[in-house]
Amino acid sequence: MANHPSAWKRVRQNEKRAERNRANISRVRTFLKKFEEAVRLGKVEAVKSAFQQAQAEVHKGVRKGVLRANTASRKVARLHRRVKALEASS
């Protein structure tokens, strides 16, 4: 346990930051799940809309520091590939 005021403060800051990071990660995952659901239903317009929202949230995750830039780029590229495949099959 922390024994100095500065260490107590650091513990409080770490707890706040961890909670904020969990919320941001959860938000990104939620939008990815919405995209997956739209793909499962197979409606092209819904998939495009969900893709735009998911892409924005993934990039916001990079800005917030919960995802690395290369990871976000890879995720978005895979989502986009699925959108293109669905468009081609329609």
PDB file of N, CA and C in Angstrom:
ATOM      1  N   MET A   1       0.842  -1.187   0.000  1.00  0.00           N
ATOM      2  CA  MET A   1       0.000   0.000   0.000  1.00  0.00           C
ATOM      3  C   MET A   1       0.881   1.242   0.000  1.00  0.00           C
ATOM      4  N   ALA A   2       0.346   2.308  -0.567  1.00  0.00           N
ATOM      5  CA  ALA A   2       1.087   3.560  -0.660  1.00  0.00           C
ATOM      6  C   ALA A   2       1.286   4.170   0.722  1.00  0.00           C
ATOM      7  N   ASN A   3       2.473   4.714   0.937  1.00  0.00           N
ATOM      8  CA  ASN A   3       2.799   5.282   2.241  1.00  0.00           C
ATOM      9  C   ASN A   3       3.053   6.780   2.223  1.00  0.00           C
ATOM     10  N   HIS A   4       3.017   7.405   1.042  1.00  0.00           N
ATOM     11  CA  HIS A   4       3.281   8.829   0.929  1.00  0.00           C
ATOM     12  C   HIS A   4       2.143   9.495   0.177  1.00  0.00           C
ATOM     13  N   PRO A   5       1.896  10.750   0.478  1.00  0.00           N
ATOM     14  CA  PRO A   5       0.796  11.439  -0.215  1.00  0.00           C
ATOM     15  C   PRO A   5       0.919  11.396  -1.735  1.00  0.00           C
ATOM     16  N   SER A   6       2.128  11.513  -2.251  1.00  0.00           N
ATOM     17  CA  SER A   6       2.310  11.475  -3.700  1.00  0.00           C
ATOM     18  C   SER A   6       1.975  10.088  -4.255  1.00  0.00           C
ATOM     19  N   ALA A   7       2.265   9.059  -3.480  1.00  0.00           N
ATOM     20  CA  ALA A   7       1.941   7.696  -3.909  1.00  0.00           C
ATOM     21  C   ALA A   7       0.432   7.462  -3.848  1.00  0.00           C
ATOM     22  N   TRP A   8      -0.232   8.044  -2.846  1.00  0.00           N
ATOM     23  CA  TRP A   8      -1.699   7.919  -2.772  1.00  0.00           C
ATOM     24  C   TRP A   8      -2.330   8.581  -3.987  1.00  0.00           C
ATOM     25  N   LYS A   9      -1.796   9.763  -4.315  1.00  0.00           N
ATOM     26  CA  LYS A   9      -2.318  10.485  -5.472  1.00  0.00           C
ATOM     27  C   LYS A   9      -2.105   9.664  -6.745  1.00  0.00           C
ATOM     28  N   ARG A  10      -0.942   9.057  -6.883  1.00  0.00           N
ATOM     29  CA  ARG A  10      -0.638   8.248  -8.060  1.00  0.00           C
ATOM     30  C   ARG A  10      -1.612   7.075  -8.169  1.00  0.00           C
ATOM     31  N   VAL A  11      -1.946   6.456  -7.045  1.00  0.00           N
ATOM     32  CA  VAL A  11      -2.910   5.353  -7.040  1.00  0.00           C
ATOM     33  C   VAL A  11      -4.265   5.843  -7.543  1.00  0.00           C
ATOM     34  N   ARG A  12      -4.704   6.997  -7.033  1.00  0.00           N
ATOM     35  CA  ARG A  12      -5.981   7.558  -7.483  1.00  0.00           C
ATOM     36  C   ARG A  12      -5.958   7.859  -8.976  1.00  0.00           C
ATOM     37  N   GLN A  13      -4.873   8.448  -9.459  1.00  0.00           N
ATOM     38  CA  GLN A  13      -4.757   8.772 -10.881  1.00  0.00           C
ATOM     39  C   GLN A  13      -4.788   7.508 -11.732  1.00  0.00           C
ATOM     40  N   ASN A  14      -4.077   6.484 -11.288  1.00  0.00           N
ATOM     41  CA  ASN A  14      -4.043   5.223 -12.036  1.00  0.00           C
ATOM     42  C   ASN A  14      -5.421   4.594 -12.121  1.00  0.00           C
ATOM     43  N   GLU A  15      -6.178   4.650 -11.018  1.00  0.00           N
ATOM     44  CA  GLU A  15      -7.531   4.086 -11.029  1.00  0.00           C
ATOM     45  C   GLU A  15      -8.425   4.829 -12.007  1.00  0.00           C
ATOM     46  N   LYS A  16      -8.342   6.155 -12.008  1.00  0.00           N
ATOM     47  CA  LYS A  16      -9.155   6.964 -12.927  1.00  0.00           C
ATOM     48  C   LYS A  16      -8.790   6.668 -14.378  1.00  0.00           C
ATOM     49  N   ARG A  17      -7.500   6.599 -14.651  1.00  0.00           N
ATOM     50  CA  ARG A  17      -7.058   6.349 -16.020  1.00  0.00           C
ATOM     51  C   ARG A  17      -7.446   4.957 -16.483  1.00  0.00           C
ATOM     52  N   ALA A  18      -7.338   3.971 -15.589  1.00  0.00           N
ATOM     53  CA  ALA A  18      -7.712   2.607 -15.949  1.00  0.00           C
ATOM     54  C   ALA A  18      -9.201   2.526 -16.270  1.00  0.00           C
ATOM     55  N   GLU A  19     -10.009   3.205 -15.481  1.00  0.00           N
ATOM     56  CA  GLU A  19     -11.455   3.223 -15.724  1.00  0.00           C
ATOM     57  C   GLU A  19     -11.762   3.886 -17.066  1.00  0.00           C
ATOM     58  N   ARG A  20     -11.090   4.995 -17.353  1.00  0.00           N
ATOM     59  CA  ARG A  20     -11.292   5.704 -18.614  1.00  0.00           C
ATOM     60  C   ARG A  20     -10.863   4.834 -19.794  1.00  0.00           C
ATOM     61  N   ASN A  21      -9.727   4.143 -19.656  1.00  0.00           N
ATOM     62  CA  ASN A  21      -9.251   3.268 -20.732  1.00  0.00           C
ATOM     63  C   ASN A  21     -10.221   2.117 -20.968  1.00  0.00           C
ATOM     64  N   ARG A  22     -10.743   1.536 -19.879  1.00  0.00           N
ATOM     65  CA  ARG A  22     -11.716   0.444 -20.024  1.00  0.00           C
ATOM     66  C   ARG A  22     -12.937   0.917 -20.786  1.00  0.00           C
ATOM     67  N   ALA A  23     -13.400   2.126 -20.468  1.00  0.00           N
ATOM     68  CA  ALA A  23     -14.575   2.675 -21.146  1.00  0.00           C
ATOM     69  C   ALA A  23     -14.291   2.894 -22.632  1.00  0.00           C
ATOM     70  N   ASN A  24     -13.117   3.416 -22.949  1.00  0.00           N
ATOM     71  CA  ASN A  24     -12.775   3.661 -24.349  1.00  0.00           C
ATOM     72  C   ASN A  24     -12.635   2.368 -25.135  1.00  0.00           C
ATOM     73  N   ILE A  25     -12.003   1.376 -24.541  1.00  0.00           N
ATOM     74  CA  ILE A  25     -11.849   0.083 -25.211  1.00  0.00           C
ATOM     75  C   ILE A  25     -13.216  -0.553 -25.422  1.00  0.00           C
ATOM     76  N   SER A  26     -14.073  -0.466 -24.417  1.00  0.00           N
ATOM     77  CA  SER A  26     -15.411  -1.034 -24.517  1.00  0.00           C
ATOM     78  C   SER A  26     -16.198  -0.363 -25.628  1.00  0.00           C
ATOM     79  N   ARG A  27     -16.051   0.949 -25.753  1.00  0.00           N
ATOM     80  CA  ARG A  27     -16.755   1.687 -26.805  1.00  0.00           C
ATOM     81  C   ARG A  27     -16.311   1.220 -28.196  1.00  0.00           C
ATOM     82  N   VAL A  28     -15.021   1.034 -28.372  1.00  0.00           N
ATOM     83  CA  VAL A  28     -14.506   0.552 -29.662  1.00  0.00           C
ATOM     84  C   VAL A  28     -15.073  -0.834 -29.954  1.00  0.00           C
ATOM     85  N   ARG A  29     -15.031  -1.711 -28.969  1.00  0.00           N
ATOM     86  CA  ARG A  29     -15.535  -3.073 -29.166  1.00  0.00           C
ATOM     87  C   ARG A  29     -17.023  -3.082 -29.489  1.00  0.00           C
ATOM     88  N   THR A  30     -17.779  -2.191 -28.872  1.00  0.00           N
ATOM     89  CA  THR A  30     -19.214  -2.110 -29.129  1.00  0.00           C
ATOM     90  C   THR A  30     -19.475  -1.794 -30.593  1.00  0.00           C
ATOM     91  N   PHE A  31     -18.743  -0.830 -31.142  1.00  0.00           N
ATOM     92  CA  PHE A  31     -18.957  -0.466 -32.541  1.00  0.00           C
ATOM     93  C   PHE A  31     -18.493  -1.574 -33.477  1.00  0.00           C
ATOM     94  N   LEU A  32     -17.462  -2.313 -33.093  1.00  0.00           N
ATOM     95  CA  LEU A  32     -17.043  -3.456 -33.906  1.00  0.00           C
ATOM     96  C   LEU A  32     -18.114  -4.546 -33.895  1.00  0.00           C
ATOM     97  N   LYS A  33     -18.753  -4.742 -32.747  1.00  0.00           N
ATOM     98  CA  LYS A  33     -19.836  -5.726 -32.665  1.00  0.00           C
ATOM     99  C   LYS A  33     -21.031  -5.294 -33.503  1.00  0.00           C
ATOM    100  N   LYS A  34     -21.329  -3.990 -33.513  1.00  0.00           N
ATOM    101  CA  LYS A  34     -22.429  -3.493 -34.342  1.00  0.00           C
ATOM    102  C   LYS A  34     -22.133  -3.740 -35.818  1.00  0.00           C
ATOM    103  N   PHE A  35     -20.875  -3.574 -36.206  1.00  0.00           N
ATOM    104  CA  PHE A  35     -20.488  -3.861 -37.585  1.00  0.00           C
ATOM    105  C   PHE A  35     -20.692  -5.340 -37.890  1.00  0.00           C
ATOM    106  N   GLU A  36     -20.254  -6.201 -36.988  1.00  0.00           N
ATOM    107  CA  GLU A  36     -20.410  -7.648 -37.188  1.00  0.00           C
ATOM    108  C   GLU A  36     -21.881  -8.027 -37.329  1.00  0.00           C
ATOM    109  N   GLU A  37     -22.717  -7.414 -36.536  1.00  0.00           N
ATOM    110  CA  GLU A  37     -24.159  -7.698 -36.599  1.00  0.00           C
ATOM    111  C   GLU A  37     -24.721  -7.255 -37.948  1.00  0.00           C
ATOM    112  N   ALA A  38     -24.301  -6.098 -38.440  1.00  0.00           N
ATOM    113  CA  ALA A  38     -24.763  -5.613 -39.739  1.00  0.00           C
ATOM    114  C   ALA A  38     -24.314  -6.548 -40.851  1.00  0.00           C
ATOM    115  N   VAL A  39     -23.090  -7.046 -40.763  1.00  0.00           N
ATOM    116  CA  VAL A  39     -22.589  -7.995 -41.772  1.00  0.00           C
ATOM    117  C   VAL A  39     -23.407  -9.275 -41.723  1.00  0.00           C
ATOM    118  N   ARG A  40     -23.715  -9.725 -40.515  1.00  0.00           N
ATOM    119  CA  ARG A  40     -24.494 -10.955 -40.363  1.00  0.00           C
ATOM    120  C   ARG A  40     -25.864 -10.823 -41.017  1.00  0.00           C
ATOM    121  N   LEU A  41     -26.473  -9.634 -40.891  1.00  0.00           N
ATOM    122  CA  LEU A  41     -27.779  -9.406 -41.510  1.00  0.00           C
ATOM    123  C   LEU A  41     -27.660  -9.268 -43.027  1.00  0.00           C
ATOM    124  N   GLY A  42     -26.504  -8.807 -43.500  1.00  0.00           N
ATOM    125  CA  GLY A  42     -26.230  -8.773 -44.923  1.00  0.00           C
ATOM    126  C   GLY A  42     -26.803  -7.597 -45.683  1.00  0.00           C
ATOM    127  N   LYS A  43     -27.225  -6.547 -45.000  1.00  0.00           N
ATOM    128  CA  LYS A  43     -27.757  -5.367 -45.683  1.00  0.00           C
ATOM    129  C   LYS A  43     -26.597  -4.406 -45.971  1.00  0.00           C
ATOM    130  N   VAL A  44     -26.379  -4.148 -47.258  1.00  0.00           N
ATOM    131  CA  VAL A  44     -25.197  -3.399 -47.677  1.00  0.00           C
ATOM    132  C   VAL A  44     -25.178  -1.993 -47.091  1.00  0.00           C
ATOM    133  N   GLU A  45     -26.304  -1.289 -47.132  1.00  0.00           N
ATOM    134  CA  GLU A  45     -26.327   0.085 -46.619  1.00  0.00           C
ATOM    135  C   GLU A  45     -26.055   0.119 -45.117  1.00  0.00           C
ATOM    136  N   ALA A  46     -26.621  -0.826 -44.392  1.00  0.00           N
ATOM    137  CA  ALA A  46     -26.382  -0.891 -42.942  1.00  0.00           C
ATOM    138  C   ALA A  46     -24.917  -1.198 -42.660  1.00  0.00           C
ATOM    139  N   VAL A  47     -24.326  -2.046 -43.475  1.00  0.00           N
ATOM    140  CA  VAL A  47     -22.915  -2.403 -43.292  1.00  0.00           C
ATOM    141  C   VAL A  47     -22.031  -1.185 -43.548  1.00  0.00           C
ATOM    142  N   LYS A  48     -22.341  -0.436 -44.601  1.00  0.00           N
ATOM    143  CA  LYS A  48     -21.541   0.761 -44.906  1.00  0.00           C
ATOM    144  C   LYS A  48     -21.625   1.774 -43.768  1.00  0.00           C
ATOM    145  N   SER A  49     -22.823   1.977 -43.253  1.00  0.00           N
ATOM    146  CA  SER A  49     -23.008   2.911 -42.149  1.00  0.00           C
ATOM    147  C   SER A  49     -22.251   2.436 -40.907  1.00  0.00           C
ATOM    148  N   ALA A  50     -22.385   1.154 -40.598  1.00  0.00           N
ATOM    149  CA  ALA A  50     -21.698   0.589 -39.427  1.00  0.00           C
ATOM    150  C   ALA A  50     -20.185   0.661 -39.615  1.00  0.00           C
ATOM    151  N   PHE A  51     -19.726   0.472 -40.859  1.00  0.00           N
ATOM    152  CA  PHE A  51     -18.287   0.565 -41.133  1.00  0.00           C
ATOM    153  C   PHE A  51     -17.774   1.962 -40.850  1.00  0.00           C
ATOM    154  N   GLN A  52     -18.493   2.980 -41.307  1.00  0.00           N
ATOM    155  CA  GLN A  52     -18.053   4.353 -41.082  1.00  0.00           C
ATOM    156  C   GLN A  52     -17.971   4.662 -39.587  1.00  0.00           C
ATOM    157  N   GLN A  53     -18.976   4.208 -38.842  1.00  0.00           N
ATOM    158  CA  GLN A  53     -18.966   4.458 -37.399  1.00  0.00           C
ATOM    159  C   GLN A  53     -17.834   3.687 -36.716  1.00  0.00           C
ATOM    160  N   ALA A  54     -17.649   2.430 -37.107  1.00  0.00           N
ATOM    161  CA  ALA A  54     -16.596   1.617 -36.498  1.00  0.00           C
ATOM    162  C   ALA A  54     -15.222   2.191 -36.821  1.00  0.00           C
ATOM    163  N   GLN A  55     -15.042   2.625 -38.061  1.00  0.00           N
ATOM    164  CA  GLN A  55     -13.767   3.210 -38.459  1.00  0.00           C
ATOM    165  C   GLN A  55     -13.468   4.459 -37.620  1.00  0.00           C
ATOM    166  N   ALA A  56     -14.459   5.302 -37.450  1.00  0.00           N
ATOM    167  CA  ALA A  56     -14.268   6.512 -36.651  1.00  0.00           C
ATOM    168  C   ALA A  56     -13.902   6.165 -35.208  1.00  0.00           C
ATOM    169  N   GLU A  57     -14.577   5.178 -34.650  1.00  0.00           N
ATOM    170  CA  GLU A  57     -14.308   4.805 -33.252  1.00  0.00           C
ATOM    171  C   GLU A  57     -12.925   4.174 -33.098  1.00  0.00           C
ATOM    172  N   VAL A  58     -12.510   3.378 -34.070  1.00  0.00           N
ATOM    173  CA  VAL A  58     -11.180   2.767 -33.993  1.00  0.00           C
ATOM    174  C   VAL A  58     -10.116   3.854 -34.031  1.00  0.00           C
ATOM    175  N   HIS A  59     -10.279   4.824 -34.918  1.00  0.00           N
ATOM    176  CA  HIS A  59      -9.301   5.905 -34.989  1.00  0.00           C
ATOM    177  C   HIS A  59      -9.350   6.791 -33.742  1.00  0.00           C
ATOM    178  N   LYS A  60     -10.529   6.933 -33.166  1.00  0.00           N
ATOM    179  CA  LYS A  60     -10.629   7.669 -31.910  1.00  0.00           C
ATOM    180  C   LYS A  60      -9.887   6.911 -30.805  1.00  0.00           C
ATOM    181  N   GLY A  61      -9.956   5.585 -30.851  1.00  0.00           N
ATOM    182  CA  GLY A  61      -9.214   4.767 -29.895  1.00  0.00           C
ATOM    183  C   GLY A  61      -7.718   5.012 -29.988  1.00  0.00           C
ATOM    184  N   VAL A  62      -7.231   5.238 -31.203  1.00  0.00           N
ATOM    185  CA  VAL A  62      -5.806   5.562 -31.379  1.00  0.00           C
ATOM    186  C   VAL A  62      -5.503   6.905 -30.726  1.00  0.00           C
ATOM    187  N   ARG A  63      -6.366   7.888 -30.971  1.00  0.00           N
ATOM    188  CA  ARG A  63      -6.143   9.213 -30.382  1.00  0.00           C
ATOM    189  C   ARG A  63      -6.171   9.155 -28.859  1.00  0.00           C
ATOM    190  N   LYS A  64      -7.025   8.297 -28.314  1.00  0.00           N
ATOM    191  CA  LYS A  64      -7.148   8.192 -26.863  1.00  0.00           C
ATOM    192  C   LYS A  64      -6.043   7.330 -26.258  1.00  0.00           C
ATOM    193  N   GLY A  65      -5.294   6.616 -27.095  1.00  0.00           N
ATOM    194  CA  GLY A  65      -4.172   5.834 -26.602  1.00  0.00           C
ATOM    195  C   GLY A  65      -4.518   4.420 -26.188  1.00  0.00           C
ATOM    196  N   VAL A  66      -5.690   3.907 -26.580  1.00  0.00           N
ATOM    197  CA  VAL A  66      -6.052   2.543 -26.198  1.00  0.00           C
ATOM    198  C   VAL A  66      -5.745   1.543 -27.307  1.00  0.00           C
ATOM    199  N   LEU A  67      -5.430   2.043 -28.501  1.00  0.00           N
ATOM    200  CA  LEU A  67      -5.004   1.189 -29.613  1.00  0.00           C
ATOM    201  C   LEU A  67      -3.762   1.798 -30.247  1.00  0.00           C
ATOM    202  N   ARG A  68      -2.905   0.936 -30.755  1.00  0.00           N
ATOM    203  CA  ARG A  68      -1.763   1.419 -31.532  1.00  0.00           C
ATOM    204  C   ARG A  68      -2.226   1.715 -32.956  1.00  0.00           C
ATOM    205  N   ALA A  69      -1.517   2.601 -33.620  1.00  0.00           N
ATOM    206  CA  ALA A  69      -1.908   3.035 -34.956  1.00  0.00           C
ATOM    207  C   ALA A  69      -1.912   1.869 -35.950  1.00  0.00           C
ATOM    208  N   ASN A  70      -0.901   1.012 -35.892  1.00  0.00           N
ATOM    209  CA  ASN A  70      -0.843  -0.105 -36.835  1.00  0.00           C
ATOM    210  C   ASN A  70      -1.967  -1.101 -36.583  1.00  0.00           C
ATOM    211  N   THR A  71      -2.312  -1.317 -35.335  1.00  0.00           N
ATOM    212  CA  THR A  71      -3.406  -2.214 -34.992  1.00  0.00           C
ATOM    213  C   THR A  71      -4.712  -1.668 -35.539  1.00  0.00           C
ATOM    214  N   ALA A  72      -4.924  -0.388 -35.365  1.00  0.00           N
ATOM    215  CA  ALA A  72      -6.144   0.246 -35.863  1.00  0.00           C
ATOM    216  C   ALA A  72      -6.208   0.162 -37.377  1.00  0.00           C
ATOM    217  N   SER A  73      -5.101   0.413 -38.031  1.00  0.00           N
ATOM    218  CA  SER A  73      -5.047   0.357 -39.487  1.00  0.00           C
ATOM    219  C   SER A  73      -5.384  -1.049 -39.979  1.00  0.00           C
ATOM    220  N   ARG A  74      -4.848  -2.044 -39.319  1.00  0.00           N
ATOM    221  CA  ARG A  74      -5.116  -3.434 -39.693  1.00  0.00           C
ATOM    222  C   ARG A  74      -6.592  -3.779 -39.503  1.00  0.00           C
ATOM    223  N   LYS A  75      -7.164  -3.361 -38.383  1.00  0.00           N
ATOM    224  CA  LYS A  75      -8.579  -3.632 -38.117  1.00  0.00           C
ATOM    225  C   LYS A  75      -9.470  -2.978 -39.162  1.00  0.00           C
ATOM    226  N   VAL A  76      -9.194  -1.718 -39.475  1.00  0.00           N
ATOM    227  CA  VAL A  76     -10.006  -0.988 -40.448  1.00  0.00           C
ATOM    228  C   VAL A  76      -9.871  -1.628 -41.824  1.00  0.00           C
ATOM    229  N   ALA A  77      -8.664  -2.041 -42.189  1.00  0.00           N
ATOM    230  CA  ALA A  77      -8.456  -2.675 -43.490  1.00  0.00           C
ATOM    231  C   ALA A  77      -9.259  -3.975 -43.591  1.00  0.00           C
ATOM    232  N   ARG A  78      -9.290  -4.739 -42.523  1.00  0.00           N
ATOM    233  CA  ARG A  78     -10.046  -5.997 -42.540  1.00  0.00           C
ATOM    234  C   ARG A  78     -11.547  -5.734 -42.623  1.00  0.00           C
ATOM    235  N   LEU A  79     -12.009  -4.710 -41.914  1.00  0.00           N
ATOM    236  CA  LEU A  79     -13.425  -4.354 -41.994  1.00  0.00           C
ATOM    237  C   LEU A  79     -13.772  -3.909 -43.413  1.00  0.00           C
ATOM    238  N   HIS A  80     -12.904  -3.096 -43.999  1.00  0.00           N
ATOM    239  CA  HIS A  80     -13.158  -2.582 -45.346  1.00  0.00           C
ATOM    240  C   HIS A  80     -13.177  -3.720 -46.363  1.00  0.00           C
ATOM    241  N   ARG A  81     -12.306  -4.681 -46.177  1.00  0.00           N
ATOM    242  CA  ARG A  81     -12.274  -5.842 -47.076  1.00  0.00           C
ATOM    243  C   ARG A  81     -13.592  -6.601 -47.014  1.00  0.00           C
ATOM    244  N   ARG A  82     -14.161  -6.684 -45.828  1.00  0.00           N
ATOM    245  CA  ARG A  82     -15.449  -7.379 -45.679  1.00  0.00           C
ATOM    246  C   ARG A  82     -16.577  -6.591 -46.329  1.00  0.00           C
ATOM    247  N   VAL A  83     -16.523  -5.253 -46.229  1.00  0.00           N
ATOM    248  CA  VAL A  83     -17.531  -4.414 -46.886  1.00  0.00           C
ATOM    249  C   VAL A  83     -17.474  -4.627 -48.395  1.00  0.00           C
ATOM    250  N   LYS A  84     -16.254  -4.604 -48.948  1.00  0.00           N
ATOM    251  CA  LYS A  84     -16.087  -4.785 -50.395  1.00  0.00           C
ATOM    252  C   LYS A  84     -16.569  -6.161 -50.840  1.00  0.00           C
ATOM    253  N   ALA A  85     -16.298  -7.187 -50.050  1.00  0.00           N
ATOM    254  CA  ALA A  85     -16.741  -8.537 -50.388  1.00  0.00           C
ATOM    255  C   ALA A  85     -18.269  -8.612 -50.401  1.00  0.00           C
ATOM    256  N   LEU A  86     -18.892  -7.957 -49.435  1.00  0.00           N
ATOM    257  CA  LEU A  86     -20.350  -7.972 -49.367  1.00  0.00           C
ATOM    258  C   LEU A  86     -20.952  -7.211 -50.548  1.00  0.00           C
ATOM    259  N   GLU A  87     -20.331  -6.093 -50.920  1.00  0.00           N
ATOM    260  CA  GLU A  87     -20.805  -5.332 -52.080  1.00  0.00           C
ATOM    261  C   GLU A  87     -20.681  -6.158 -53.359  1.00  0.00           C
ATOM    262  N   ALA A  88     -19.582  -6.887 -53.482  1.00  0.00           N
ATOM    263  CA  ALA A  88     -19.363  -7.688 -54.688  1.00  0.00           C
ATOM    264  C   ALA A  88     -20.353  -8.839 -54.792  1.00  0.00           C
ATOM    265  N   SER A  89     -20.732  -9.396 -53.655  1.00  0.00           N
ATOM    266  CA  SER A  89     -21.654 -10.528 -53.678  1.00  0.00           C
ATOM    267  C   SER A  89     -23.108 -10.095 -53.879  1.00  0.00           C
ATOM    268  N   SER A  90     -23.400  -8.799 -53.675  1.00  0.00           N
ATOM    269  CA  SER A  90     -24.772  -8.318 -53.814  1.00  0.00           C
ATOM    270  C   SER A  90     -25.121  -8.008 -55.244  1.00  0.00           C
TER     271      SER A  90
END
